[in-house]
Amino acid sequence: MHKGKWKIVRKLSRKISTVWVVTRTKNRKTQRGYFKILDKKSKKYAGPLLANELISYRLARALNLKAAKIKLAKIERRRGVVSIVRPARRHYTWAELSKKLNSPIMKHIDNPQQLLKTFVFDIWICNVDRHGENLITFPKRNKYSFYLIDHGFALLGAMKWRRVPWNSSYWNHVTKYNRHYVQGLRSYIYSYQQLSPFIEQIQSIPAYKIKKIVKSMPVSVLSPSKKKIVIKLLLYRQENLHVIVNRWMKEYKKNDSRSRVLINKKSRRKMKKRHIARESSSYPTGYYSTGYYSSFTSRPYNTL
């Protein structure tokens, strides 16, 4: 393998994008990464995939959020970005770690506040694809730390995937477009005050810095007209982030209480059915098959 050049290890076939597992040697160390290719599939589902990944990564860095390093690359004449795996003795996805542990995952995370910061960050960039497979955890002392991967469906990727214009009021309602919550997050958020420090941190990023990040994208990755749209989107959501997050708190609690009512109703129905089955099994089958029990009352047994 040539020094510093990526070599293909395996090609992964996915419905919405093409991904290759790649490796290279740099400074006498082996690096592993995932090469996302700009092709017809990615354009169809995620729009400017490479720009979505690069901009999200650089914005995460501006907030001191740990994220997989993203690099533009050309491998076998194919253009794309490499998401470089962070060195660690062992990696687990957030979902894998949740299954592995015997207690709530948040107790085992080194800095759980970072998950809240990630949640607010995802709202800012309109990420519709944060779930248990794209947070990568690794051991850190006697706990676990994590970093972010996969931002192809953020920014214009979210608009392309949902087929909703960037300036639609739809994007002001997080509960409409975000149906993924990583294990432990929802139970960890109980007040707006927990999230407000991260909202303020995002709102304190100077506008010129956001513009600089977006404008630094090569024209081959993001056209000038789309750069203007991304800048408008980020600045609007930055200014109104406190409103959007506060609305999520209210709408989520409302939806959550409705879900609990539905779940409780379903649970009661199931318990009632089990009760009927148990009671019916306590009588000889002839009582029901011969109509013996019905001669005492015209009502079914379970309504007595």
C-alpha atoms as a PDB file:
ATOM      1  CA  MET A   1       0.000   0.000   0.000  1.00  0.00           C
ATOM      2  CA  HIS A   2       1.339   3.449  -0.947  1.00  0.00           C
ATOM      3  CA  LYS A   3       2.023   5.671   2.017  1.00  0.00           C
ATOM      4  CA  GLY A   4      -0.948   7.911   2.779  1.00  0.00           C
ATOM      5  CA  LYS A   5      -3.158   6.458   0.028  1.00  0.00           C
ATOM      6  CA  TRP A   6      -6.447   4.787   0.826  1.00  0.00           C
ATOM      7  CA  LYS A   7      -6.860   1.124  -0.070  1.00  0.00           C
ATOM      8  CA  ILE A   8     -10.252  -0.574  -0.437  1.00  0.00           C
ATOM      9  CA  VAL A   9     -10.914  -3.388   2.040  1.00  0.00           C
ATOM     10  CA  ARG A  10     -14.569  -4.066   1.339  1.00  0.00           C
ATOM     11  CA  LYS A  11     -17.426  -2.584  -0.674  1.00  0.00           C
ATOM     12  CA  LEU A  12     -20.758  -2.262   1.113  1.00  0.00           C
ATOM     13  CA  SER A  13     -23.970  -2.177  -0.875  1.00  0.00           C
ATOM     14  CA  ARG A  14     -26.642   0.056   0.620  1.00  0.00           C
ATOM     15  CA  LYS A  15     -29.985   1.144  -0.746  1.00  0.00           C
ATOM     16  CA  ILE A  16     -29.418   4.875  -0.409  1.00  0.00           C
ATOM     17  CA  SER A  17     -25.642   5.238  -0.798  1.00  0.00           C
ATOM     18  CA  THR A  18     -22.424   3.480  -1.761  1.00  0.00           C
ATOM     19  CA  VAL A  19     -19.888   2.956   1.039  1.00  0.00           C
ATOM     20  CA  TRP A  20     -16.423   1.384   0.945  1.00  0.00           C
ATOM     21  CA  VAL A  21     -14.394   0.301   3.953  1.00  0.00           C
ATOM     22  CA  VAL A  22     -10.881   1.668   3.411  1.00  0.00           C
ATOM     23  CA  THR A  23      -7.497   1.723   5.168  1.00  0.00           C
ATOM     24  CA  ARG A  24      -4.227   3.604   4.838  1.00  0.00           C
ATOM     25  CA  THR A  25      -0.888   3.983   6.598  1.00  0.00           C
ATOM     26  CA  LYS A  26      -0.046   7.415   7.964  1.00  0.00           C
ATOM     27  CA  ASN A  27       2.858   8.208  10.302  1.00  0.00           C
ATOM     28  CA  ARG A  28       3.468   4.454  10.607  1.00  0.00           C
ATOM     29  CA  LYS A  29      -0.057   3.949  11.928  1.00  0.00           C
ATOM     30  CA  THR A  30      -2.948   2.237  10.191  1.00  0.00           C
ATOM     31  CA  GLN A  31      -6.089   4.300   9.787  1.00  0.00           C
ATOM     32  CA  ARG A  32      -9.493   2.856   8.960  1.00  0.00           C
ATOM     33  CA  GLY A  33     -12.338   4.749   7.380  1.00  0.00           C
ATOM     34  CA  TYR A  34     -15.630   4.628   5.520  1.00  0.00           C
ATOM     35  CA  PHE A  35     -15.617   6.158   2.042  1.00  0.00           C
ATOM     36  CA  LYS A  36     -18.968   7.628   0.998  1.00  0.00           C
ATOM     37  CA  ILE A  37     -19.270   8.074  -2.721  1.00  0.00           C
ATOM     38  CA  LEU A  38     -21.104  10.814  -4.564  1.00  0.00           C
ATOM     39  CA  ASP A  39     -23.249   8.893  -7.052  1.00  0.00           C
ATOM     40  CA  LYS A  40     -26.776   8.806  -8.448  1.00  0.00           C
ATOM     41  CA  LYS A  41     -28.163   7.074  -5.342  1.00  0.00           C
ATOM     42  CA  SER A  42     -26.734   9.595  -2.879  1.00  0.00           C
ATOM     43  CA  LYS A  43     -27.853  12.557  -5.035  1.00  0.00           C
ATOM     44  CA  LYS A  44     -31.372  11.133  -5.239  1.00  0.00           C
ATOM     45  CA  TYR A  45     -31.812  10.614  -1.488  1.00  0.00           C
ATOM     46  CA  ALA A  46     -29.418  13.066   0.208  1.00  0.00           C
ATOM     47  CA  GLY A  47     -28.740  15.797  -2.343  1.00  0.00           C
ATOM     48  CA  PRO A  48     -25.252  17.285  -1.822  1.00  0.00           C
ATOM     49  CA  LEU A  49     -24.125  14.420   0.448  1.00  0.00           C
ATOM     50  CA  LEU A  50     -20.446  15.418   0.622  1.00  0.00           C
ATOM     51  CA  ALA A  51     -21.266  19.008   1.600  1.00  0.00           C
ATOM     52  CA  ASN A  52     -23.756  17.826   4.258  1.00  0.00           C
ATOM     53  CA  GLU A  53     -21.030  15.676   5.829  1.00  0.00           C
ATOM     54  CA  LEU A  54     -18.254  18.275   5.633  1.00  0.00           C
ATOM     55  CA  ILE A  55     -20.260  21.260   6.899  1.00  0.00           C
ATOM     56  CA  SER A  56     -21.793  19.270   9.782  1.00  0.00           C
ATOM     57  CA  TYR A  57     -18.350  18.006  10.821  1.00  0.00           C
ATOM     58  CA  ARG A  58     -16.842  21.500  10.831  1.00  0.00           C
ATOM     59  CA  LEU A  59     -19.790  22.956  12.759  1.00  0.00           C
ATOM     60  CA  ALA A  60     -19.463  20.142  15.323  1.00  0.00           C
ATOM     61  CA  ARG A  61     -15.765  21.017  15.717  1.00  0.00           C
ATOM     62  CA  ALA A  62     -16.695  24.672  16.284  1.00  0.00           C
ATOM     63  CA  LEU A  63     -18.824  23.482  19.228  1.00  0.00           C
ATOM     64  CA  ASN A  64     -16.139  21.101  20.569  1.00  0.00           C
ATOM     65  CA  LEU A  65     -18.337  18.107  19.823  1.00  0.00           C
ATOM     66  CA  LYS A  66     -16.462  14.889  19.116  1.00  0.00           C
ATOM     67  CA  ALA A  67     -17.118  13.734  15.557  1.00  0.00           C
ATOM     68  CA  ALA A  68     -15.398  11.398  13.125  1.00  0.00           C
ATOM     69  CA  LYS A  69     -12.916  13.375  11.031  1.00  0.00           C
ATOM     70  CA  ILE A  70     -14.235  13.955   7.489  1.00  0.00           C
ATOM     71  CA  LYS A  71     -11.852  14.297   4.544  1.00  0.00           C
ATOM     72  CA  LEU A  72     -12.524  14.825   0.849  1.00  0.00           C
ATOM     73  CA  ALA A  73     -10.922  12.015  -1.142  1.00  0.00           C
ATOM     74  CA  LYS A  74     -10.713  10.404  -4.545  1.00  0.00           C
ATOM     75  CA  ILE A  75     -10.381   6.620  -4.589  1.00  0.00           C
ATOM     76  CA  GLU A  76     -10.338   4.649  -7.840  1.00  0.00           C
ATOM     77  CA  ARG A  77     -11.423   7.786  -9.696  1.00  0.00           C
ATOM     78  CA  ARG A  78     -14.519   8.091  -7.494  1.00  0.00           C
ATOM     79  CA  ARG A  79     -15.139  11.310  -5.568  1.00  0.00           C
ATOM     80  CA  GLY A  80     -16.357  11.192  -1.978  1.00  0.00           C
ATOM     81  CA  VAL A  81     -15.569  11.752   1.688  1.00  0.00           C
ATOM     82  CA  VAL A  82     -13.789   9.464   4.137  1.00  0.00           C
ATOM     83  CA  SER A  83     -15.143   9.239   7.682  1.00  0.00           C
ATOM     84  CA  ILE A  84     -12.058   8.277   9.688  1.00  0.00           C
ATOM     85  CA  VAL A  85     -12.534   5.879  12.608  1.00  0.00           C
ATOM     86  CA  ARG A  86     -11.148   7.257  15.872  1.00  0.00           C
ATOM     87  CA  PRO A  87      -8.459   5.045  17.437  1.00  0.00           C
ATOM     88  CA  ALA A  88      -9.693   3.026  20.437  1.00  0.00           C
ATOM     89  CA  ARG A  89      -9.168  -0.496  21.760  1.00  0.00           C
ATOM     90  CA  ARG A  90     -12.838  -1.282  21.149  1.00  0.00           C
ATOM     91  CA  HIS A  91     -15.832   0.388  19.480  1.00  0.00           C
ATOM     92  CA  TYR A  92     -19.551  -0.142  20.044  1.00  0.00           C
ATOM     93  CA  THR A  93     -22.464   1.648  18.462  1.00  0.00           C
ATOM     94  CA  TRP A  94     -24.736   3.320  21.004  1.00  0.00           C
ATOM     95  CA  ALA A  95     -27.357   0.619  20.311  1.00  0.00           C
ATOM     96  CA  GLU A  96     -24.838  -2.204  20.897  1.00  0.00           C
ATOM     97  CA  LEU A  97     -23.661  -0.683  24.169  1.00  0.00           C
ATOM     98  CA  SER A  98     -27.266  -0.242  25.357  1.00  0.00           C
ATOM     99  CA  LYS A  99     -27.879  -3.976  24.849  1.00  0.00           C
ATOM    100  CA  LYS A 100     -24.560  -4.929  26.452  1.00  0.00           C
ATOM    101  CA  LEU A 101     -25.143  -3.032  29.713  1.00  0.00           C
ATOM    102  CA  ASN A 102     -27.431  -4.232  32.501  1.00  0.00           C
ATOM    103  CA  SER A 103     -28.339  -0.741  33.697  1.00  0.00           C
ATOM    104  CA  PRO A 104     -29.339   2.592  32.068  1.00  0.00           C
ATOM    105  CA  ILE A 105     -26.702   3.637  29.538  1.00  0.00           C
ATOM    106  CA  MET A 106     -26.461   7.236  30.761  1.00  0.00           C
ATOM    107  CA  LYS A 107     -24.907   6.022  34.017  1.00  0.00           C
ATOM    108  CA  HIS A 108     -21.988   4.648  32.016  1.00  0.00           C
ATOM    109  CA  ILE A 109     -21.299   7.672  29.796  1.00  0.00           C
ATOM    110  CA  ASP A 110     -18.272   9.766  30.714  1.00  0.00           C
ATOM    111  CA  ASN A 111     -19.910  13.119  29.943  1.00  0.00           C
ATOM    112  CA  PRO A 112     -23.682  12.654  29.443  1.00  0.00           C
ATOM    113  CA  GLN A 113     -24.134  16.407  28.907  1.00  0.00           C
ATOM    114  CA  GLN A 114     -22.520  15.888  25.509  1.00  0.00           C
ATOM    115  CA  LEU A 115     -25.558  13.884  24.428  1.00  0.00           C
ATOM    116  CA  LEU A 116     -27.824  16.835  25.233  1.00  0.00           C
ATOM    117  CA  LYS A 117     -25.473  19.084  23.282  1.00  0.00           C
ATOM    118  CA  THR A 118     -25.616  16.634  20.366  1.00  0.00           C
ATOM    119  CA  PHE A 119     -29.415  16.693  20.475  1.00  0.00           C
ATOM    120  CA  VAL A 120     -29.514  20.512  20.260  1.00  0.00           C
ATOM    121  CA  PHE A 121     -26.849  20.450  17.530  1.00  0.00           C
ATOM    122  CA  ASP A 122     -28.963  17.993  15.499  1.00  0.00           C
ATOM    123  CA  ILE A 123     -31.961  20.314  15.800  1.00  0.00           C
ATOM    124  CA  TRP A 124     -29.850  23.219  14.524  1.00  0.00           C
ATOM    125  CA  ILE A 125     -28.616  21.345  11.437  1.00  0.00           C
ATOM    126  CA  CYS A 126     -31.985  19.597  10.799  1.00  0.00           C
ATOM    127  CA  ASN A 127     -30.487  16.121  11.189  1.00  0.00           C
ATOM    128  CA  VAL A 128     -33.261  13.594  10.511  1.00  0.00           C
ATOM    129  CA  ASP A 129     -31.040  10.541  10.985  1.00  0.00           C
ATOM    130  CA  ARG A 130     -29.587  10.442  14.497  1.00  0.00           C
ATOM    131  CA  HIS A 131     -30.127   6.967  15.965  1.00  0.00           C
ATOM    132  CA  GLY A 132     -28.301   4.255  17.913  1.00  0.00           C
ATOM    133  CA  GLU A 133     -26.132   3.223  14.970  1.00  0.00           C
ATOM    134  CA  ASN A 134     -24.490   6.578  14.296  1.00  0.00           C
ATOM    135  CA  LEU A 135     -23.158   7.375  17.740  1.00  0.00           C
ATOM    136  CA  ILE A 136     -19.948   5.410  18.279  1.00  0.00           C
ATOM    137  CA  THR A 137     -18.879   4.638  21.836  1.00  0.00           C
ATOM    138  CA  PHE A 138     -15.501   3.529  23.155  1.00  0.00           C
ATOM    139  CA  PRO A 139     -14.077   2.741  26.634  1.00  0.00           C
ATOM    140  CA  LYS A 140     -12.641   5.682  28.553  1.00  0.00           C
ATOM    141  CA  ARG A 141     -11.208   4.752  31.948  1.00  0.00           C
ATOM    142  CA  ASN A 142     -14.105   2.992  33.735  1.00  0.00           C
ATOM    143  CA  LYS A 143     -16.803   4.591  31.555  1.00  0.00           C
ATOM    144  CA  TYR A 144     -17.548   5.209  27.879  1.00  0.00           C
ATOM    145  CA  SER A 145     -17.153   8.230  25.660  1.00  0.00           C
ATOM    146  CA  PHE A 146     -18.711   8.691  22.214  1.00  0.00           C
ATOM    147  CA  TYR A 147     -18.367  10.524  18.933  1.00  0.00           C
ATOM    148  CA  LEU A 148     -20.702  11.420  16.068  1.00  0.00           C
ATOM    149  CA  ILE A 149     -20.826   9.929  12.573  1.00  0.00           C
ATOM    150  CA  ASP A 150     -23.134  10.111   9.524  1.00  0.00           C
ATOM    151  CA  HIS A 151     -24.515  13.562   8.735  1.00  0.00           C
ATOM    152  CA  GLY A 152     -25.530  12.888   5.144  1.00  0.00           C
ATOM    153  CA  PHE A 153     -29.187  13.516   6.000  1.00  0.00           C
ATOM    154  CA  ALA A 154     -28.604  16.854   7.706  1.00  0.00           C
ATOM    155  CA  LEU A 155     -28.966  20.308   6.133  1.00  0.00           C
ATOM    156  CA  LEU A 156     -30.008  19.972   2.459  1.00  0.00           C
ATOM    157  CA  GLY A 157     -29.949  16.183   2.858  1.00  0.00           C
ATOM    158  CA  ALA A 158     -32.893  16.454   5.260  1.00  0.00           C
ATOM    159  CA  MET A 159     -34.834  18.607   2.784  1.00  0.00           C
ATOM    160  CA  LYS A 160     -34.127  16.142  -0.024  1.00  0.00           C
ATOM    161  CA  TRP A 161     -35.098  13.105   2.063  1.00  0.00           C
ATOM    162  CA  ARG A 162     -38.330  14.608   3.421  1.00  0.00           C
ATOM    163  CA  ARG A 163     -39.098  16.455   0.157  1.00  0.00           C
ATOM    164  CA  VAL A 164     -39.961  19.629   2.059  1.00  0.00           C
ATOM    165  CA  PRO A 165     -38.498  23.071   1.155  1.00  0.00           C
ATOM    166  CA  TRP A 166     -35.892  24.480   3.537  1.00  0.00           C
ATOM    167  CA  ASN A 167     -38.024  27.557   4.354  1.00  0.00           C
ATOM    168  CA  SER A 168     -41.170  25.601   5.259  1.00  0.00           C
ATOM    169  CA  SER A 169     -42.594  25.982   8.800  1.00  0.00           C
ATOM    170  CA  TYR A 170     -42.465  22.159   8.895  1.00  0.00           C
ATOM    171  CA  TRP A 171     -38.828  22.404  10.043  1.00  0.00           C
ATOM    172  CA  ASN A 172     -39.824  24.439  13.103  1.00  0.00           C
ATOM    173  CA  HIS A 173     -41.574  21.341  14.506  1.00  0.00           C
ATOM    174  CA  VAL A 174     -38.933  18.795  15.474  1.00  0.00           C
ATOM    175  CA  THR A 175     -41.548  16.177  16.384  1.00  0.00           C
ATOM    176  CA  LYS A 176     -42.689  16.124  12.741  1.00  0.00           C
ATOM    177  CA  TYR A 177     -39.345  15.267  11.168  1.00  0.00           C
ATOM    178  CA  ASN A 178     -37.418  13.600  13.992  1.00  0.00           C
ATOM    179  CA  ARG A 179     -38.663  10.138  14.964  1.00  0.00           C
ATOM    180  CA  HIS A 180     -35.297   8.784  16.140  1.00  0.00           C
ATOM    181  CA  TYR A 181     -34.152   9.104  19.743  1.00  0.00           C
ATOM    182  CA  VAL A 182     -31.113   7.235  20.982  1.00  0.00           C
ATOM    183  CA  GLN A 183     -31.572   4.967  23.993  1.00  0.00           C
ATOM    184  CA  GLY A 184     -31.677   6.911  27.258  1.00  0.00           C
ATOM    185  CA  LEU A 185     -32.057  10.397  25.772  1.00  0.00           C
ATOM    186  CA  ARG A 186     -35.770  10.974  26.297  1.00  0.00           C
ATOM    187  CA  SER A 187     -35.738   9.928  29.945  1.00  0.00           C
ATOM    188  CA  TYR A 188     -32.673  12.121  30.546  1.00  0.00           C
ATOM    189  CA  ILE A 189     -34.347  15.345  29.334  1.00  0.00           C
ATOM    190  CA  TYR A 190     -36.847  16.705  31.830  1.00  0.00           C
ATOM    191  CA  SER A 191     -36.565  20.508  31.462  1.00  0.00           C
ATOM    192  CA  TYR A 192     -35.719  23.242  28.968  1.00  0.00           C
ATOM    193  CA  GLN A 193     -33.052  24.549  31.364  1.00  0.00           C
ATOM    194  CA  GLN A 194     -30.927  21.464  30.690  1.00  0.00           C
ATOM    195  CA  LEU A 195     -30.728  22.378  27.010  1.00  0.00           C
ATOM    196  CA  SER A 196     -30.479  26.179  27.250  1.00  0.00           C
ATOM    197  CA  PRO A 197     -26.659  26.319  27.792  1.00  0.00           C
ATOM    198  CA  PHE A 198     -26.129  24.476  24.497  1.00  0.00           C
ATOM    199  CA  ILE A 199     -28.649  26.687  22.705  1.00  0.00           C
ATOM    200  CA  GLU A 200     -26.737  29.739  23.925  1.00  0.00           C
ATOM    201  CA  GLN A 201     -23.439  28.205  22.841  1.00  0.00           C
ATOM    202  CA  ILE A 202     -24.730  27.668  19.287  1.00  0.00           C
ATOM    203  CA  GLN A 203     -26.272  31.140  19.195  1.00  0.00           C
ATOM    204  CA  SER A 204     -22.939  32.649  20.239  1.00  0.00           C
ATOM    205  CA  ILE A 205     -21.132  31.392  17.103  1.00  0.00           C
ATOM    206  CA  PRO A 206     -20.439  34.481  14.977  1.00  0.00           C
ATOM    207  CA  ALA A 207     -22.325  34.635  11.662  1.00  0.00           C
ATOM    208  CA  TYR A 208     -19.072  35.203   9.751  1.00  0.00           C
ATOM    209  CA  LYS A 209     -17.705  31.884  11.059  1.00  0.00           C
ATOM    210  CA  ILE A 210     -20.779  29.954   9.837  1.00  0.00           C
ATOM    211  CA  LYS A 211     -20.573  31.694   6.441  1.00  0.00           C
ATOM    212  CA  LYS A 212     -16.851  30.915   6.197  1.00  0.00           C
ATOM    213  CA  ILE A 213     -17.446  27.192   6.811  1.00  0.00           C
ATOM    214  CA  VAL A 214     -20.162  26.998   4.144  1.00  0.00           C
ATOM    215  CA  LYS A 215     -18.327  29.144   1.602  1.00  0.00           C
ATOM    216  CA  SER A 216     -15.170  27.007   1.992  1.00  0.00           C
ATOM    217  CA  MET A 217     -16.937  24.115   0.226  1.00  0.00           C
ATOM    218  CA  PRO A 218     -15.553  23.491  -3.282  1.00  0.00           C
ATOM    219  CA  VAL A 219     -17.993  24.402  -6.075  1.00  0.00           C
ATOM    220  CA  SER A 220     -17.862  20.754  -7.205  1.00  0.00           C
ATOM    221  CA  VAL A 221     -19.330  19.799  -3.814  1.00  0.00           C
ATOM    222  CA  LEU A 222     -21.820  22.636  -3.295  1.00  0.00           C
ATOM    223  CA  SER A 223     -22.973  25.183  -5.869  1.00  0.00           C
ATOM    224  CA  PRO A 224     -23.018  28.937  -5.025  1.00  0.00           C
ATOM    225  CA  SER A 225     -26.848  29.025  -5.021  1.00  0.00           C
ATOM    226  CA  LYS A 226     -27.017  26.116  -2.571  1.00  0.00           C
ATOM    227  CA  LYS A 227     -24.373  27.728  -0.366  1.00  0.00           C
ATOM    228  CA  LYS A 228     -26.689  30.733   0.008  1.00  0.00           C
ATOM    229  CA  ILE A 229     -29.572  28.444   1.012  1.00  0.00           C
ATOM    230  CA  VAL A 230     -27.462  26.587   3.621  1.00  0.00           C
ATOM    231  CA  ILE A 231     -26.250  29.887   5.109  1.00  0.00           C
ATOM    232  CA  LYS A 232     -29.833  31.222   5.334  1.00  0.00           C
ATOM    233  CA  LEU A 233     -31.008  27.947   6.891  1.00  0.00           C
ATOM    234  CA  LEU A 234     -28.263  27.870   9.541  1.00  0.00           C
ATOM    235  CA  LEU A 235     -28.561  31.551  10.484  1.00  0.00           C
ATOM    236  CA  TYR A 236     -32.354  31.389  10.727  1.00  0.00           C
ATOM    237  CA  ARG A 237     -32.288  28.262  12.898  1.00  0.00           C
ATOM    238  CA  GLN A 238     -29.466  29.666  15.009  1.00  0.00           C
ATOM    239  CA  GLU A 239     -31.454  32.826  15.760  1.00  0.00           C
ATOM    240  CA  ASN A 240     -34.671  30.924  16.511  1.00  0.00           C
ATOM    241  CA  LEU A 241     -33.148  27.852  18.155  1.00  0.00           C
ATOM    242  CA  HIS A 242     -34.542  28.649  21.616  1.00  0.00           C
ATOM    243  CA  VAL A 243     -38.074  28.884  20.129  1.00  0.00           C
ATOM    244  CA  ILE A 244     -37.704  25.633  18.142  1.00  0.00           C
ATOM    245  CA  VAL A 245     -36.336  23.676  21.136  1.00  0.00           C
ATOM    246  CA  ASN A 246     -38.976  25.076  23.489  1.00  0.00           C
ATOM    247  CA  ARG A 247     -41.676  24.082  21.000  1.00  0.00           C
ATOM    248  CA  TRP A 248     -40.194  20.563  20.859  1.00  0.00           C
ATOM    249  CA  MET A 249     -40.430  20.318  24.670  1.00  0.00           C
ATOM    250  CA  LYS A 250     -44.143  21.175  24.601  1.00  0.00           C
ATOM    251  CA  GLU A 251     -45.060  19.100  21.542  1.00  0.00           C
ATOM    252  CA  TYR A 252     -43.025  16.093  22.633  1.00  0.00           C
ATOM    253  CA  LYS A 253     -44.602  16.031  26.110  1.00  0.00           C
ATOM    254  CA  LYS A 254     -48.052  16.303  24.523  1.00  0.00           C
ATOM    255  CA  ASN A 255     -47.352  13.487  22.063  1.00  0.00           C
ATOM    256  CA  ASP A 256     -45.683  11.406  24.758  1.00  0.00           C
ATOM    257  CA  SER A 257     -48.696  11.671  27.088  1.00  0.00           C
ATOM    258  CA  ARG A 258     -50.987  10.624  24.212  1.00  0.00           C
ATOM    259  CA  SER A 259     -48.742   7.653  23.464  1.00  0.00           C
ATOM    260  CA  ARG A 260     -48.809   6.601  27.104  1.00  0.00           C
ATOM    261  CA  VAL A 261     -52.625   6.755  27.154  1.00  0.00           C
ATOM    262  CA  LEU A 262     -52.753   4.549  24.037  1.00  0.00           C
ATOM    263  CA  ILE A 263     -50.197   2.137  25.501  1.00  0.00           C
ATOM    264  CA  ASN A 264     -52.145   1.944  28.768  1.00  0.00           C
ATOM    265  CA  LYS A 265     -55.377   1.249  26.867  1.00  0.00           C
ATOM    266  CA  LYS A 266     -53.698  -1.525  24.887  1.00  0.00           C
ATOM    267  CA  SER A 267     -52.175  -2.962  28.066  1.00  0.00           C
ATOM    268  CA  ARG A 268     -55.582  -3.006  29.787  1.00  0.00           C
ATOM    269  CA  ARG A 269     -57.128  -4.780  26.784  1.00  0.00           C
ATOM    270  CA  LYS A 270     -54.378  -7.410  26.833  1.00  0.00           C
ATOM    271  CA  MET A 271     -54.769  -7.919  30.609  1.00  0.00           C
ATOM    272  CA  LYS A 272     -58.520  -8.265  30.191  1.00  0.00           C
ATOM    273  CA  LYS A 273     -58.076 -10.909  27.477  1.00  0.00           C
ATOM    274  CA  ARG A 274     -55.608 -12.826  29.660  1.00  0.00           C
ATOM    275  CA  HIS A 275     -58.046 -12.653  32.594  1.00  0.00           C
ATOM    276  CA  ILE A 276     -60.859 -14.067  30.423  1.00  0.00           C
ATOM    277  CA  ALA A 277     -58.597 -16.836  29.130  1.00  0.00           C
ATOM    278  CA  ARG A 278     -57.515 -17.800  32.666  1.00  0.00           C
ATOM    279  CA  GLU A 279     -61.080 -17.813  33.972  1.00  0.00           C
ATOM    280  CA  SER A 280     -62.388 -19.812  31.015  1.00  0.00           C
ATOM    281  CA  SER A 281     -59.628 -22.407  31.422  1.00  0.00           C
ATOM    282  CA  SER A 282     -60.677 -22.932  35.071  1.00  0.00           C
ATOM    283  CA  TYR A 283     -64.002 -24.465  33.911  1.00  0.00           C
ATOM    284  CA  PRO A 284     -64.396 -27.850  32.191  1.00  0.00           C
ATOM    285  CA  THR A 285     -64.595 -27.327  28.451  1.00  0.00           C
ATOM    286  CA  GLY A 286     -68.091 -28.860  28.428  1.00  0.00           C
ATOM    287  CA  TYR A 287     -69.442 -25.866  30.335  1.00  0.00           C
ATOM    288  CA  TYR A 288     -68.885 -23.684  27.269  1.00  0.00           C
ATOM    289  CA  SER A 289     -69.232 -26.230  24.495  1.00  0.00           C
ATOM    290  CA  THR A 290     -72.581 -27.576  25.686  1.00  0.00           C
ATOM    291  CA  GLY A 291     -74.042 -24.208  26.673  1.00  0.00           C
ATOM    292  CA  TYR A 292     -74.355 -25.364  30.316  1.00  0.00           C
ATOM    293  CA  TYR A 293     -72.979 -22.077  31.711  1.00  0.00           C
ATOM    294  CA  SER A 294     -75.195 -19.923  29.485  1.00  0.00           C
ATOM    295  CA  SER A 295     -78.304 -21.479  31.020  1.00  0.00           C
ATOM    296  CA  PHE A 296     -77.574 -19.568  34.260  1.00  0.00           C
ATOM    297  CA  THR A 297     -77.157 -16.123  32.638  1.00  0.00           C
ATOM    298  CA  SER A 298     -77.513 -14.522  29.266  1.00  0.00           C
ATOM    299  CA  ARG A 299     -74.379 -12.383  29.863  1.00  0.00           C
ATOM    300  CA  PRO A 300     -70.858 -13.614  29.104  1.00  0.00           C
ATOM    301  CA  TYR A 301     -68.756 -14.594  32.109  1.00  0.00           C
ATOM    302  CA  ASN A 302     -66.327 -11.717  31.873  1.00  0.00           C
ATOM    303  CA  THR A 303     -69.065  -9.049  32.264  1.00  0.00           C
ATOM    304  CA  LEU A 304     -70.343 -10.343  35.623  1.00  0.00           C
END
